[in-house]
PDB file of N, CA and C in Angstrom:
ATOM      1  N   MET A   1       0.850  -1.182   0.000  1.00  0.00           N
ATOM      2  CA  MET A   1       0.000   0.000   0.000  1.00  0.00           C
ATOM      3  C   MET A   1       0.893   1.241   0.000  1.00  0.00           C
ATOM      4  N   GLY A   2       0.755   2.026  -1.023  1.00  0.00           N
ATOM      5  CA  GLY A   2       1.580   3.224  -1.147  1.00  0.00           C
ATOM      6  C   GLY A   2       0.912   4.441  -0.521  1.00  0.00           C
ATOM      7  N   ILE A   3       1.710   5.457  -0.379  1.00  0.00           N
ATOM      8  CA  ILE A   3       1.190   6.694   0.209  1.00  0.00           C
ATOM      9  C   ILE A   3       0.307   7.423  -0.793  1.00  0.00           C
ATOM     10  N   VAL A   4       0.594   7.282  -2.076  1.00  0.00           N
ATOM     11  CA  VAL A   4      -0.217   7.907  -3.110  1.00  0.00           C
ATOM     12  C   VAL A   4      -1.166   6.844  -3.648  1.00  0.00           C
ATOM     13  N   ASN A   5      -2.402   6.927  -3.197  1.00  0.00           N
ATOM     14  CA  ASN A   5      -3.416   6.007  -3.704  1.00  0.00           C
ATOM     15  C   ASN A   5      -4.680   6.804  -4.029  1.00  0.00           C
ATOM     16  N   ARG A   6      -5.671   6.131  -4.513  1.00  0.00           N
ATOM     17  CA  ARG A   6      -6.875   6.812  -4.969  1.00  0.00           C
ATOM     18  C   ARG A   6      -7.583   7.543  -3.826  1.00  0.00           C
ATOM     19  N   ARG A   7      -7.659   6.922  -2.663  1.00  0.00           N
ATOM     20  CA  ARG A   7      -8.345   7.544  -1.526  1.00  0.00           C
ATOM     21  C   ARG A   7      -7.648   8.843  -1.129  1.00  0.00           C
ATOM     22  N   ASN A   8      -6.329   8.805  -0.990  1.00  0.00           N
ATOM     23  CA  ASN A   8      -5.597  10.014  -0.612  1.00  0.00           C
ATOM     24  C   ASN A   8      -5.661  11.077  -1.706  1.00  0.00           C
ATOM     25  N   ALA A   9      -5.691  10.652  -2.961  1.00  0.00           N
ATOM     26  CA  ALA A   9      -5.808  11.609  -4.056  1.00  0.00           C
ATOM     27  C   ALA A   9      -7.155  12.321  -4.004  1.00  0.00           C
ATOM     28  N   VAL A  10      -8.222  11.580  -3.737  1.00  0.00           N
ATOM     29  CA  VAL A  10      -9.556  12.180  -3.645  1.00  0.00           C
ATOM     30  C   VAL A  10      -9.631  13.111  -2.442  1.00  0.00           C
ATOM     31  N   LEU A  11      -9.097  12.690  -1.304  1.00  0.00           N
ATOM     32  CA  LEU A  11      -9.112  13.540  -0.117  1.00  0.00           C
ATOM     33  C   LEU A  11      -8.315  14.829  -0.356  1.00  0.00           C
ATOM     34  N   GLY A  12      -7.191  14.727  -1.016  1.00  0.00           N
ATOM     35  CA  GLY A  12      -6.395  15.902  -1.326  1.00  0.00           C
ATOM     36  C   GLY A  12      -7.109  16.843  -2.268  1.00  0.00           C
ATOM     37  N   TRP A  13      -7.775  16.280  -3.271  1.00  0.00           N
ATOM     38  CA  TRP A  13      -8.511  17.102  -4.225  1.00  0.00           C
ATOM     39  C   TRP A  13      -9.656  17.828  -3.536  1.00  0.00           C
ATOM     40  N   VAL A  14     -10.415  17.126  -2.680  1.00  0.00           N
ATOM     41  CA  VAL A  14     -11.535  17.740  -1.963  1.00  0.00           C
ATOM     42  C   VAL A  14     -11.027  18.838  -1.038  1.00  0.00           C
ATOM     43  N   THR A  15      -9.930  18.570  -0.332  1.00  0.00           N
ATOM     44  CA  THR A  15      -9.359  19.574   0.559  1.00  0.00           C
ATOM     45  C   THR A  15      -8.926  20.805  -0.223  1.00  0.00           C
ATOM     46  N   TRP A  16      -8.301  20.604  -1.356  1.00  0.00           N
ATOM     47  CA  TRP A  16      -7.844  21.720  -2.198  1.00  0.00           C
ATOM     48  C   TRP A  16      -9.029  22.549  -2.687  1.00  0.00           C
ATOM     49  N   GLU A  17     -10.076  21.902  -3.156  1.00  0.00           N
ATOM     50  CA  GLU A  17     -11.249  22.613  -3.654  1.00  0.00           C
ATOM     51  C   GLU A  17     -11.931  23.403  -2.543  1.00  0.00           C
ATOM     52  N   LEU A  18     -12.080  22.814  -1.367  1.00  0.00           N
ATOM     53  CA  LEU A  18     -12.695  23.526  -0.247  1.00  0.00           C
ATOM     54  C   LEU A  18     -11.819  24.689   0.205  1.00  0.00           C
ATOM     55  N   GLY A  19     -10.507  24.480   0.223  1.00  0.00           N
ATOM     56  CA  GLY A  19      -9.588  25.548   0.602  1.00  0.00           C
ATOM     57  C   GLY A  19      -9.661  26.722  -0.355  1.00  0.00           C
ATOM     58  N   LYS A  20      -9.769  26.441  -1.655  1.00  0.00           N
ATOM     59  CA  LYS A  20      -9.894  27.515  -2.636  1.00  0.00           C
ATOM     60  C   LYS A  20     -11.194  28.284  -2.424  1.00  0.00           C
ATOM     61  N   ARG A  21     -12.272  27.567  -2.138  1.00  0.00           N
ATOM     62  CA  ARG A  21     -13.560  28.218  -1.918  1.00  0.00           C
ATOM     63  C   ARG A  21     -13.510  29.129  -0.694  1.00  0.00           C
ATOM     64  N   VAL A  22     -12.919  28.627   0.403  1.00  0.00           N
ATOM     65  CA  VAL A  22     -12.808  29.424   1.626  1.00  0.00           C
ATOM     66  C   VAL A  22     -11.932  30.648   1.378  1.00  0.00           C
ATOM     67  N   ALA A  23     -10.810  30.478   0.694  1.00  0.00           N
ATOM     68  CA  ALA A  23      -9.909  31.594   0.411  1.00  0.00           C
ATOM     69  C   ALA A  23     -10.597  32.634  -0.469  1.00  0.00           C
ATOM     70  N   ARG A  24     -11.365  32.193  -1.434  1.00  0.00           N
ATOM     71  CA  ARG A  24     -12.074  33.109  -2.321  1.00  0.00           C
ATOM     72  C   ARG A  24     -13.100  33.939  -1.542  1.00  0.00           C
ATOM     73  N   GLU A  25     -13.837  33.295  -0.643  1.00  0.00           N
ATOM     74  CA  GLU A  25     -14.822  34.009   0.163  1.00  0.00           C
ATOM     75  C   GLU A  25     -14.152  35.005   1.110  1.00  0.00           C
ATOM     76  N   LYS A  26     -13.027  34.617   1.706  1.00  0.00           N
ATOM     77  CA  LYS A  26     -12.312  35.533   2.600  1.00  0.00           C
ATOM     78  C   LYS A  26     -11.777  36.727   1.826  1.00  0.00           C
ATOM     79  N   ALA A  27     -11.303  36.504   0.612  1.00  0.00           N
ATOM     80  CA  ALA A  27     -10.783  37.604  -0.203  1.00  0.00           C
ATOM     81  C   ALA A  27     -11.908  38.555  -0.595  1.00  0.00           C
ATOM     82  N   LYS A  28     -13.070  38.015  -0.925  1.00  0.00           N
ATOM     83  CA  LYS A  28     -14.202  38.868  -1.282  1.00  0.00           C
ATOM     84  C   LYS A  28     -14.654  39.711  -0.100  1.00  0.00           C
ATOM     85  N   SER A  29     -14.631  39.143   1.080  1.00  0.00           N
ATOM     86  CA  SER A  29     -15.084  39.899   2.249  1.00  0.00           C
ATOM     87  C   SER A  29     -14.051  40.945   2.686  1.00  0.00           C
ATOM     88  N   ALA A  30     -12.792  40.778   2.311  1.00  0.00           N
ATOM     89  CA  ALA A  30     -11.749  41.711   2.711  1.00  0.00           C
ATOM     90  C   ALA A  30     -11.674  42.928   1.797  1.00  0.00           C
ATOM     91  N   VAL A  31     -12.192  42.831   0.582  1.00  0.00           N
ATOM     92  CA  VAL A  31     -12.122  43.929  -0.379  1.00  0.00           C
ATOM     93  C   VAL A  31     -13.156  44.982  -0.004  1.00  0.00           C
ATOM     94  N   PRO A  32     -12.749  46.250   0.054  1.00  0.00           N
ATOM     95  CA  PRO A  32     -13.725  47.297   0.351  1.00  0.00           C
ATOM     96  C   PRO A  32     -14.768  47.378  -0.749  1.00  0.00           C
ATOM     97  N   GLY A  33     -15.998  47.554  -0.374  1.00  0.00           N
ATOM     98  CA  GLY A  33     -17.073  47.566  -1.356  1.00  0.00           C
ATOM     99  C   GLY A  33     -17.754  48.916  -1.443  1.00  0.00           C
ATOM    100  N   VAL A  34     -18.940  48.908  -1.985  1.00  0.00           N
ATOM    101  CA  VAL A  34     -19.726  50.122  -2.145  1.00  0.00           C
ATOM    102  C   VAL A  34     -20.817  50.111  -1.086  1.00  0.00           C
ATOM    103  N   GLN A  35     -20.904  51.204  -0.345  1.00  0.00           N
ATOM    104  CA  GLN A  35     -21.928  51.323   0.686  1.00  0.00           C
ATOM    105  C   GLN A  35     -22.774  52.553   0.414  1.00  0.00           C
ATOM    106  N   GLU A  36     -24.056  52.411   0.489  1.00  0.00           N
ATOM    107  CA  GLU A  36     -25.008  53.504   0.321  1.00  0.00           C
ATOM    108  C   GLU A  36     -24.824  54.248  -0.997  1.00  0.00           C
ATOM    109  N   GLY A  37     -24.526  53.542  -2.052  1.00  0.00           N
ATOM    110  CA  GLY A  37     -24.467  54.149  -3.371  1.00  0.00           C
ATOM    111  C   GLY A  37     -23.181  54.845  -3.739  1.00  0.00           C
ATOM    112  N   ARG A  38     -22.217  54.942  -2.823  1.00  0.00           N
ATOM    113  CA  ARG A  38     -20.943  55.571  -3.174  1.00  0.00           C
ATOM    114  C   ARG A  38     -19.800  54.728  -2.624  1.00  0.00           C
ATOM    115  N   PRO A  39     -18.694  54.677  -3.328  1.00  0.00           N
ATOM    116  CA  PRO A  39     -17.558  53.865  -2.858  1.00  0.00           C
ATOM    117  C   PRO A  39     -16.964  54.450  -1.579  1.00  0.00           C
ATOM    118  N   ASN A  40     -16.458  53.581  -0.733  1.00  0.00           N
ATOM    119  CA  ASN A  40     -15.854  54.082   0.497  1.00  0.00           C
ATOM    120  C   ASN A  40     -14.412  54.500   0.266  1.00  0.00           C
ATOM    121  N   LYS A  41     -13.809  55.126   1.256  1.00  0.00           N
ATOM    122  CA  LYS A  41     -12.468  55.702   1.106  1.00  0.00           C
ATOM    123  C   LYS A  41     -11.417  54.633   0.849  1.00  0.00           C
ATOM    124  N   GLY A  42     -11.565  53.468   1.467  1.00  0.00           N
ATOM    125  CA  GLY A  42     -10.592  52.397   1.266  1.00  0.00           C
ATOM    126  C   GLY A  42     -10.535  51.930  -0.182  1.00  0.00           C
ATOM    127  N   LEU A  43     -11.705  51.830  -0.811  1.00  0.00           N
ATOM    128  CA  LEU A  43     -11.755  51.424  -2.211  1.00  0.00           C
ATOM    129  C   LEU A  43     -11.101  52.470  -3.106  1.00  0.00           C
ATOM    130  N   ILE A  44     -11.393  53.738  -2.852  1.00  0.00           N
ATOM    131  CA  ILE A  44     -10.810  54.812  -3.664  1.00  0.00           C
ATOM    132  C   ILE A  44      -9.294  54.831  -3.511  1.00  0.00           C
ATOM    133  N   LEU A  45      -8.795  54.710  -2.276  1.00  0.00           N
ATOM    134  CA  LEU A  45      -7.351  54.710  -2.050  1.00  0.00           C
ATOM    135  C   LEU A  45      -6.678  53.500  -2.694  1.00  0.00           C
ATOM    136  N   SER A  46      -7.344  52.356  -2.662  1.00  0.00           N
ATOM    137  CA  SER A  46      -6.784  51.164  -3.287  1.00  0.00           C
ATOM    138  C   SER A  46      -6.639  51.349  -4.793  1.00  0.00           C
ATOM    139  N   VAL A  47      -7.643  51.919  -5.406  1.00  0.00           N
ATOM    140  CA  VAL A  47      -7.598  52.132  -6.861  1.00  0.00           C
ATOM    141  C   VAL A  47      -6.521  53.156  -7.216  1.00  0.00           C
ATOM    142  N   VAL A  48      -6.453  54.251  -6.464  1.00  0.00           N
ATOM    143  CA  VAL A  48      -5.451  55.285  -6.744  1.00  0.00           C
ATOM    144  C   VAL A  48      -4.039  54.723  -6.567  1.00  0.00           C
ATOM    145  N   ALA A  49      -3.824  53.953  -5.491  1.00  0.00           N
ATOM    146  CA  ALA A  49      -2.506  53.373  -5.256  1.00  0.00           C
ATOM    147  C   ALA A  49      -2.140  52.383  -6.362  1.00  0.00           C
ATOM    148  N   GLY A  50      -3.093  51.599  -6.830  1.00  0.00           N
ATOM    149  CA  GLY A  50      -2.834  50.651  -7.905  1.00  0.00           C
ATOM    150  C   GLY A  50      -2.464  51.344  -9.208  1.00  0.00           C
ATOM    151  N   VAL A  51      -3.188  52.403  -9.525  1.00  0.00           N
ATOM    152  CA  VAL A  51      -2.896  53.154 -10.754  1.00  0.00           C
ATOM    153  C   VAL A  51      -1.522  53.814 -10.654  1.00  0.00           C
ATOM    154  N   ALA A  52      -1.220  54.401  -9.495  1.00  0.00           N
ATOM    155  CA  ALA A  52       0.081  55.051  -9.312  1.00  0.00           C
ATOM    156  C   ALA A  52       1.219  54.038  -9.434  1.00  0.00           C
ATOM    157  N   ALA A  53       1.055  52.882  -8.835  1.00  0.00           N
ATOM    158  CA  ALA A  53       2.090  51.850  -8.921  1.00  0.00           C
ATOM    159  C   ALA A  53       2.272  51.382 -10.364  1.00  0.00           C
ATOM    160  N   ALA A  54       1.176  51.217 -11.083  1.00  0.00           N
ATOM    161  CA  ALA A  54       1.268  50.791 -12.478  1.00  0.00           C
ATOM    162  C   ALA A  54       1.988  51.844 -13.320  1.00  0.00           C
ATOM    163  N   LEU A  55       1.688  53.129 -13.075  1.00  0.00           N
ATOM    164  CA  LEU A  55       2.346  54.189 -13.843  1.00  0.00           C
ATOM    165  C   LEU A  55       3.836  54.255 -13.543  1.00  0.00           C
ATOM    166  N   VAL A  56       4.216  54.098 -12.292  1.00  0.00           N
ATOM    167  CA  VAL A  56       5.641  54.124 -11.929  1.00  0.00           C
ATOM    168  C   VAL A  56       6.354  52.951 -12.583  1.00  0.00           C
ATOM    169  N   PHE A  57       5.759  51.776 -12.516  1.00  0.00           N
ATOM    170  CA  PHE A  57       6.372  50.599 -13.130  1.00  0.00           C
ATOM    171  C   PHE A  57       6.493  50.789 -14.642  1.00  0.00           C
ATOM    172  N   TRP A  58       5.442  51.289 -15.278  1.00  0.00           N
ATOM    173  CA  TRP A  58       5.452  51.468 -16.727  1.00  0.00           C
ATOM    174  C   TRP A  58       6.502  52.498 -17.131  1.00  0.00           C
ATOM    175  N   ARG A  59       6.600  53.568 -16.368  1.00  0.00           N
ATOM    176  CA  ARG A  59       7.566  54.613 -16.698  1.00  0.00           C
ATOM    177  C   ARG A  59       8.994  54.097 -16.579  1.00  0.00           C
ATOM    178  N   ARG A  60       9.276  53.310 -15.534  1.00  0.00           N
ATOM    179  CA  ARG A  60      10.626  52.778 -15.360  1.00  0.00           C
ATOM    180  C   ARG A  60      10.954  51.724 -16.415  1.00  0.00           C
ATOM    181  N   SER A  61       9.955  50.934 -16.822  1.00  0.00           N
ATOM    182  CA  SER A  61      10.227  49.874 -17.782  1.00  0.00           C
ATOM    183  C   SER A  61      10.385  50.413 -19.201  1.00  0.00           C
ATOM    184  N   THR A  62       9.796  51.585 -19.493  1.00  0.00           N
ATOM    185  CA  THR A  62       9.907  52.124 -20.846  1.00  0.00           C
ATOM    186  C   THR A  62      11.054  53.132 -20.959  1.00  0.00           C
ATOM    187  N   GLY A  63      11.649  53.514 -19.843  1.00  0.00           N
ATOM    188  CA  GLY A  63      12.770  54.471 -19.876  1.00  0.00           C
ATOM    189  C   GLY A  63      13.980  53.842 -20.528  1.00  0.00           C
ATOM    190  N   GLY A  64      14.646  54.592 -21.354  1.00  0.00           N
ATOM    191  CA  GLY A  64      15.813  54.093 -22.057  1.00  0.00           C
ATOM    192  C   GLY A  64      17.060  54.125 -21.185  1.00  0.00           C
ATOM    193  N   ASP A  65      18.074  53.402 -21.593  1.00  0.00           N
ATOM    194  CA  ASP A  65      19.353  53.384 -20.891  1.00  0.00           C
ATOM    195  C   ASP A  65      20.300  54.381 -21.575  1.00  0.00           C
ATOM    196  N   GLU A  66      19.870  55.627 -21.583  1.00  0.00           N
ATOM    197  CA  GLU A  66      20.674  56.650 -22.255  1.00  0.00           C
ATOM    198  C   GLU A  66      21.812  57.090 -21.343  1.00  0.00           C
ATOM    199  N   ALA A  67      23.017  57.223 -21.909  1.00  0.00           N
ATOM    200  CA  ALA A  67      24.166  57.679 -21.136  1.00  0.00           C
ATOM    201  C   ALA A  67      24.110  59.192 -21.016  1.00  0.00           C
ATOM    202  N   PRO A  68      24.410  59.716 -19.839  1.00  0.00           N
ATOM    203  CA  PRO A  68      24.403  61.182 -19.686  1.00  0.00           C
ATOM    204  C   PRO A  68      25.555  61.801 -20.461  1.00  0.00           C
ATOM    205  N   GLU A  69      25.335  62.977 -21.009  1.00  0.00           N
ATOM    206  CA  GLU A  69      26.347  63.639 -21.829  1.00  0.00           C
ATOM    207  C   GLU A  69      27.215  64.548 -21.027  1.00  0.00           C
TER     208      GLU A  69
END
C-alpha cells in the first residue's frame, strides 16, 4: 500500500477545492465595497494606489538606458 493512492488523491482534491472556496470568500469579504451608493475611502485609495504603482512601473520599464552627456 503506497502513500499515493486513490483515496488520498480524492481527499487531497476535496481539501484543495474547499480551501480555494474558503480563500475566495475571505478575499471577497476583505475587499472594500460600495456602501449607500458611493464607494468608500478604502476602495478609492486602493484604486489610486494601484494606478500610481502601475504608472511608476510602466515609466521605469519604458525608460531608455541613455548615457548622460
